[in-house]
Amino acid sequence: MQTPNEIIHQPVRLKIMAALNTMPTGQWLEFVALKAIVKTTDGNLGAHLSTLEGADYVRVKKDFVGKKPRTRVCLSGRGRTAFANYVTCLHSLLNVSELDSLDESGSQ
């Protein structure tokens, strides 16, 4: 039986991946907006993004708008595939759990 992807399975990283997965391919989300969605601190979000970036699941782009720094995040192709596989794994686990429940109760 498959086990969920350890990198994605952590709750904050799962929220990050789910939020970015709703974006069209190649579209960037600003750090500030992602922070509001995930409801975490700058440092915590930055640490989790570093983990996801290290796994090549996200791309992080830093630039300036005028004199103000801007950080944006985008789900990579590898990240999109990893998230889809993660969701499939969870569905499989849930289906097995449902079957086990039915077997234990004697119902079909």
N, C-alpha and C. Protein backbone atom coordinates (compact mmCIF):
# COMPACT_ATOMS: atom_id res chain seq x y z
N MET A 1 0.84 -1.18 0.00
CA MET A 1 0.00 0.00 0.00
C MET A 1 0.89 1.25 0.00
N GLN A 2 0.49 2.23 -0.77
CA GLN A 2 1.22 3.49 -0.83
C GLN A 2 1.10 4.26 0.47
N THR A 3 2.10 5.06 0.75
CA THR A 3 2.03 5.99 1.88
C THR A 3 2.06 7.40 1.32
N PRO A 4 1.40 8.34 2.00
CA PRO A 4 1.38 9.72 1.51
C PRO A 4 2.79 10.31 1.45
N ASN A 5 3.00 11.18 0.49
CA ASN A 5 4.26 11.88 0.31
C ASN A 5 4.59 12.67 1.58
N GLU A 6 5.71 12.33 2.22
CA GLU A 6 6.10 12.95 3.50
C GLU A 6 6.30 14.46 3.39
N ILE A 7 6.81 14.90 2.26
CA ILE A 7 7.06 16.34 2.09
C ILE A 7 5.74 17.10 2.05
N ILE A 8 4.78 16.60 1.31
CA ILE A 8 3.49 17.29 1.17
C ILE A 8 2.60 17.08 2.39
N HIS A 9 2.72 15.95 3.05
CA HIS A 9 1.79 15.56 4.11
C HIS A 9 1.80 16.50 5.32
N GLN A 10 2.86 17.23 5.54
CA GLN A 10 2.93 18.18 6.66
C GLN A 10 1.83 19.23 6.45
N PRO A 11 1.01 19.55 7.48
CA PRO A 11 -0.18 20.40 7.29
C PRO A 11 0.05 21.75 6.59
N VAL A 12 1.08 22.49 6.95
CA VAL A 12 1.29 23.80 6.31
C VAL A 12 1.69 23.61 4.85
N ARG A 13 2.55 22.64 4.58
CA ARG A 13 2.95 22.39 3.20
C ARG A 13 1.78 21.88 2.37
N LEU A 14 0.91 21.08 2.96
CA LEU A 14 -0.28 20.62 2.26
C LEU A 14 -1.16 21.81 1.88
N LYS A 15 -1.33 22.76 2.78
CA LYS A 15 -2.12 23.96 2.48
C LYS A 15 -1.48 24.77 1.36
N ILE A 16 -0.15 24.90 1.40
CA ILE A 16 0.57 25.63 0.35
C ILE A 16 0.34 24.96 -0.99
N MET A 17 0.55 23.65 -1.05
CA MET A 17 0.40 22.91 -2.30
C MET A 17 -1.03 22.98 -2.82
N ALA A 18 -2.00 22.85 -1.93
CA ALA A 18 -3.40 22.91 -2.35
C ALA A 18 -3.74 24.29 -2.90
N ALA A 19 -3.26 25.33 -2.24
CA ALA A 19 -3.53 26.70 -2.70
C ALA A 19 -2.90 26.93 -4.07
N LEU A 20 -1.65 26.53 -4.23
CA LEU A 20 -0.96 26.74 -5.51
C LEU A 20 -1.54 25.87 -6.61
N ASN A 21 -2.06 24.71 -6.26
CA ASN A 21 -2.65 23.81 -7.25
C ASN A 21 -3.92 24.39 -7.87
N THR A 22 -4.58 25.30 -7.18
CA THR A 22 -5.79 25.93 -7.73
C THR A 22 -5.46 26.98 -8.78
N MET A 23 -4.20 27.40 -8.81
CA MET A 23 -3.76 28.42 -9.76
C MET A 23 -3.52 27.78 -11.13
N PRO A 24 -3.80 28.51 -12.21
CA PRO A 24 -3.45 27.98 -13.54
C PRO A 24 -1.95 27.72 -13.64
N THR A 25 -1.57 26.76 -14.44
CA THR A 25 -0.16 26.42 -14.63
C THR A 25 0.64 27.67 -15.02
N GLY A 26 1.74 27.88 -14.33
CA GLY A 26 2.61 29.00 -14.64
C GLY A 26 2.22 30.33 -14.00
N GLN A 27 1.10 30.36 -13.29
CA GLN A 27 0.69 31.61 -12.64
C GLN A 27 1.33 31.71 -11.26
N TRP A 28 1.82 32.90 -10.95
CA TRP A 28 2.51 33.17 -9.69
C TRP A 28 1.56 33.75 -8.67
N LEU A 29 1.77 33.39 -7.40
CA LEU A 29 1.00 33.93 -6.28
C LEU A 29 1.95 34.67 -5.36
N GLU A 30 1.58 35.87 -4.99
CA GLU A 30 2.46 36.66 -4.12
C GLU A 30 2.52 36.05 -2.73
N PHE A 31 3.69 36.14 -2.14
CA PHE A 31 3.97 35.60 -0.80
C PHE A 31 2.93 36.10 0.20
N VAL A 32 2.61 37.38 0.15
CA VAL A 32 1.66 37.98 1.10
C VAL A 32 0.28 37.33 0.97
N ALA A 33 -0.16 37.08 -0.25
CA ALA A 33 -1.45 36.43 -0.47
C ALA A 33 -1.42 34.98 0.02
N LEU A 34 -0.33 34.27 -0.27
CA LEU A 34 -0.20 32.89 0.19
C LEU A 34 -0.17 32.82 1.70
N LYS A 35 0.52 33.76 2.32
CA LYS A 35 0.59 33.82 3.79
C LYS A 35 -0.82 33.98 4.38
N ALA A 36 -1.65 34.81 3.76
CA ALA A 36 -3.02 35.01 4.24
C ALA A 36 -3.86 33.74 4.07
N ILE A 37 -3.64 33.02 2.98
CA ILE A 37 -4.39 31.78 2.73
C ILE A 37 -3.99 30.71 3.74
N VAL A 38 -2.69 30.56 3.95
CA VAL A 38 -2.16 29.50 4.81
C VAL A 38 -2.29 29.86 6.29
N LYS A 39 -2.38 31.16 6.58
CA LYS A 39 -2.51 31.65 7.95
C LYS A 39 -1.32 31.23 8.82
N THR A 40 -0.14 31.70 8.41
CA THR A 40 1.08 31.42 9.15
C THR A 40 1.97 32.65 9.15
N THR A 41 3.09 32.57 9.81
CA THR A 41 4.02 33.71 9.89
C THR A 41 4.93 33.73 8.67
N ASP A 42 5.59 34.87 8.47
CA ASP A 42 6.55 34.99 7.37
C ASP A 42 7.63 33.91 7.47
N GLY A 43 8.21 33.76 8.65
CA GLY A 43 9.30 32.81 8.84
C GLY A 43 8.87 31.37 8.62
N ASN A 44 7.71 31.02 9.14
CA ASN A 44 7.20 29.66 8.98
C ASN A 44 6.91 29.36 7.51
N LEU A 45 6.26 30.30 6.84
CA LEU A 45 5.97 30.10 5.42
C LEU A 45 7.27 30.00 4.62
N GLY A 46 8.21 30.87 4.92
CA GLY A 46 9.50 30.83 4.22
C GLY A 46 10.22 29.50 4.39
N ALA A 47 10.20 28.96 5.60
CA ALA A 47 10.86 27.67 5.86
C ALA A 47 10.19 26.55 5.08
N HIS A 48 8.87 26.53 5.06
CA HIS A 48 8.16 25.48 4.32
C HIS A 48 8.34 25.64 2.82
N LEU A 49 8.38 26.87 2.34
CA LEU A 49 8.63 27.09 0.92
C LEU A 49 10.04 26.61 0.54
N SER A 50 11.00 26.79 1.44
CA SER A 50 12.36 26.31 1.18
C SER A 50 12.37 24.79 1.02
N THR A 51 11.63 24.10 1.87
CA THR A 51 11.54 22.64 1.77
C THR A 51 10.91 22.23 0.44
N LEU A 52 9.82 22.90 0.08
CA LEU A 52 9.14 22.58 -1.18
C LEU A 52 10.00 22.94 -2.39
N GLU A 53 10.72 24.04 -2.30
CA GLU A 53 11.61 24.44 -3.38
C GLU A 53 12.77 23.44 -3.52
N GLY A 54 13.29 22.97 -2.40
CA GLY A 54 14.35 21.97 -2.42
C GLY A 54 13.93 20.67 -3.07
N ALA A 55 12.64 20.34 -2.97
CA ALA A 55 12.10 19.14 -3.61
C ALA A 55 11.68 19.41 -5.05
N ASP A 56 11.86 20.64 -5.51
CA ASP A 56 11.47 21.09 -6.85
C ASP A 56 9.96 21.03 -7.05
N TYR A 57 9.21 21.26 -5.99
CA TYR A 57 7.76 21.29 -6.08
C TYR A 57 7.24 22.70 -6.32
N VAL A 58 7.99 23.70 -5.92
CA VAL A 58 7.60 25.09 -6.15
C VAL A 58 8.78 25.86 -6.72
N ARG A 59 8.47 26.96 -7.36
CA ARG A 59 9.47 27.91 -7.82
C ARG A 59 9.23 29.20 -7.04
N VAL A 60 10.30 29.82 -6.61
CA VAL A 60 10.21 31.08 -5.87
C VAL A 60 10.95 32.14 -6.67
N LYS A 61 10.28 33.26 -6.90
CA LYS A 61 10.87 34.36 -7.67
C LYS A 61 10.87 35.61 -6.79
N LYS A 62 12.04 36.22 -6.67
CA LYS A 62 12.17 37.45 -5.88
C LYS A 62 12.59 38.57 -6.82
N ASP A 63 11.87 39.70 -6.73
CA ASP A 63 12.22 40.85 -7.53
C ASP A 63 11.78 42.11 -6.78
N PHE A 64 11.80 43.23 -7.46
CA PHE A 64 11.41 44.49 -6.85
C PHE A 64 10.32 45.15 -7.69
N VAL A 65 9.39 45.76 -7.00
CA VAL A 65 8.40 46.63 -7.64
C VAL A 65 8.74 48.02 -7.13
N GLY A 66 9.37 48.79 -7.99
CA GLY A 66 9.95 50.05 -7.53
C GLY A 66 11.09 49.72 -6.58
N LYS A 67 10.99 50.22 -5.37
CA LYS A 67 12.02 49.92 -4.36
C LYS A 67 11.56 48.86 -3.36
N LYS A 68 10.37 48.35 -3.58
CA LYS A 68 9.80 47.39 -2.63
C LYS A 68 10.05 45.94 -3.09
N PRO A 69 10.62 45.10 -2.20
CA PRO A 69 10.86 43.70 -2.59
C PRO A 69 9.55 42.93 -2.72
N ARG A 70 9.54 41.99 -3.66
CA ARG A 70 8.35 41.16 -3.89
C ARG A 70 8.80 39.72 -4.06
N THR A 71 8.10 38.81 -3.38
CA THR A 71 8.35 37.37 -3.52
C THR A 71 7.09 36.74 -4.06
N ARG A 72 7.27 35.93 -5.09
CA ARG A 72 6.13 35.21 -5.68
C ARG A 72 6.46 33.73 -5.74
N VAL A 73 5.42 32.92 -5.72
CA VAL A 73 5.57 31.46 -5.69
C VAL A 73 4.68 30.86 -6.77
N CYS A 74 5.18 29.79 -7.38
CA CYS A 74 4.45 29.08 -8.43
C CYS A 74 4.68 27.58 -8.25
N LEU A 75 3.66 26.79 -8.49
CA LEU A 75 3.79 25.34 -8.45
C LEU A 75 4.52 24.87 -9.70
N SER A 76 5.55 24.05 -9.54
CA SER A 76 6.29 23.53 -10.69
C SER A 76 5.51 22.36 -11.30
N GLY A 77 5.93 21.94 -12.47
CA GLY A 77 5.30 20.76 -13.09
C GLY A 77 5.47 19.53 -12.21
N ARG A 78 6.65 19.39 -11.64
CA ARG A 78 6.91 18.26 -10.73
C ARG A 78 6.02 18.36 -9.49
N GLY A 79 5.83 19.57 -9.00
CA GLY A 79 4.96 19.78 -7.83
C GLY A 79 3.51 19.45 -8.13
N ARG A 80 3.05 19.84 -9.31
CA ARG A 80 1.67 19.55 -9.71
C ARG A 80 1.46 18.04 -9.79
N THR A 81 2.44 17.34 -10.36
CA THR A 81 2.36 15.87 -10.45
C THR A 81 2.40 15.23 -9.06
N ALA A 82 3.30 15.72 -8.21
CA ALA A 82 3.41 15.18 -6.84
C ALA A 82 2.12 15.39 -6.07
N PHE A 83 1.49 16.56 -6.24
CA PHE A 83 0.24 16.83 -5.53
C PHE A 83 -0.87 15.91 -6.05
N ALA A 84 -0.95 15.72 -7.36
CA ALA A 84 -1.96 14.81 -7.93
C ALA A 84 -1.75 13.39 -7.41
N ASN A 85 -0.50 12.96 -7.34
CA ASN A 85 -0.20 11.62 -6.80
C ASN A 85 -0.57 11.51 -5.33
N TYR A 86 -0.34 12.59 -4.59
CA TYR A 86 -0.68 12.63 -3.16
C TYR A 86 -2.21 12.46 -2.99
N VAL A 87 -2.96 13.19 -3.78
CA VAL A 87 -4.43 13.11 -3.70
C VAL A 87 -4.90 11.70 -4.07
N THR A 88 -4.31 11.13 -5.11
CA THR A 88 -4.65 9.76 -5.51
C THR A 88 -4.35 8.77 -4.39
N CYS A 89 -3.21 8.95 -3.73
CA CYS A 89 -2.84 8.09 -2.61
C CYS A 89 -3.88 8.19 -1.49
N LEU A 90 -4.30 9.41 -1.17
CA LEU A 90 -5.31 9.58 -0.12
C LEU A 90 -6.62 8.92 -0.50
N HIS A 91 -7.01 9.06 -1.76
CA HIS A 91 -8.25 8.40 -2.22
C HIS A 91 -8.12 6.89 -2.06
N SER A 92 -6.97 6.34 -2.40
CA SER A 92 -6.75 4.90 -2.26
C SER A 92 -6.86 4.46 -0.81
N LEU A 93 -6.23 5.25 0.07
CA LEU A 93 -6.29 4.93 1.50
C LEU A 93 -7.72 4.98 2.02
N LEU A 94 -8.46 5.98 1.57
CA LEU A 94 -9.86 6.11 2.02
C LEU A 94 -10.71 4.97 1.49
N ASN A 95 -10.49 4.57 0.25
CA ASN A 95 -11.26 3.47 -0.32
C ASN A 95 -10.96 2.17 0.42
N VAL A 96 -9.70 1.92 0.76
CA VAL A 96 -9.34 0.71 1.52
C VAL A 96 -9.98 0.77 2.89
N SER A 97 -9.96 1.94 3.53
CA SER A 97 -10.57 2.09 4.86
C SER A 97 -12.07 1.84 4.80
N GLU A 98 -12.72 2.33 3.75
CA GLU A 98 -14.16 2.11 3.60
C GLU A 98 -14.46 0.63 3.42
N LEU A 99 -13.66 -0.06 2.61
CA LEU A 99 -13.86 -1.49 2.41
C LEU A 99 -13.64 -2.26 3.70
N ASP A 100 -12.61 -1.88 4.47
CA ASP A 100 -12.35 -2.54 5.74
C ASP A 100 -13.52 -2.34 6.69
N SER A 101 -14.10 -1.15 6.72
CA SER A 101 -15.26 -0.88 7.57
C SER A 101 -16.44 -1.73 7.17
N LEU A 102 -16.65 -1.86 5.87
CA LEU A 102 -17.75 -2.70 5.39
C LEU A 102 -17.54 -4.15 5.76
N ASP A 103 -16.30 -4.64 5.63
CA ASP A 103 -15.99 -6.03 5.98
C ASP A 103 -16.22 -6.29 7.46
N GLU A 104 -15.82 -5.35 8.29
CA GLU A 104 -15.97 -5.51 9.74
C GLU A 104 -17.43 -5.49 10.18
N SER A 105 -18.25 -4.70 9.49
CA SER A 105 -19.65 -4.61 9.89
C SER A 105 -20.50 -5.69 9.24
N GLY A 106 -19.92 -6.40 8.27
CA GLY A 106 -20.66 -7.47 7.60
C GLY A 106 -21.61 -6.94 6.54
N SER A 107 -21.55 -5.67 6.24
CA SER A 107 -22.42 -5.05 5.24
C SER A 107 -21.68 -4.95 3.92
N GLN A 108 -22.45 -4.70 2.87
CA GLN A 108 -21.83 -4.43 1.56
C GLN A 108 -22.31 -3.13 1.03
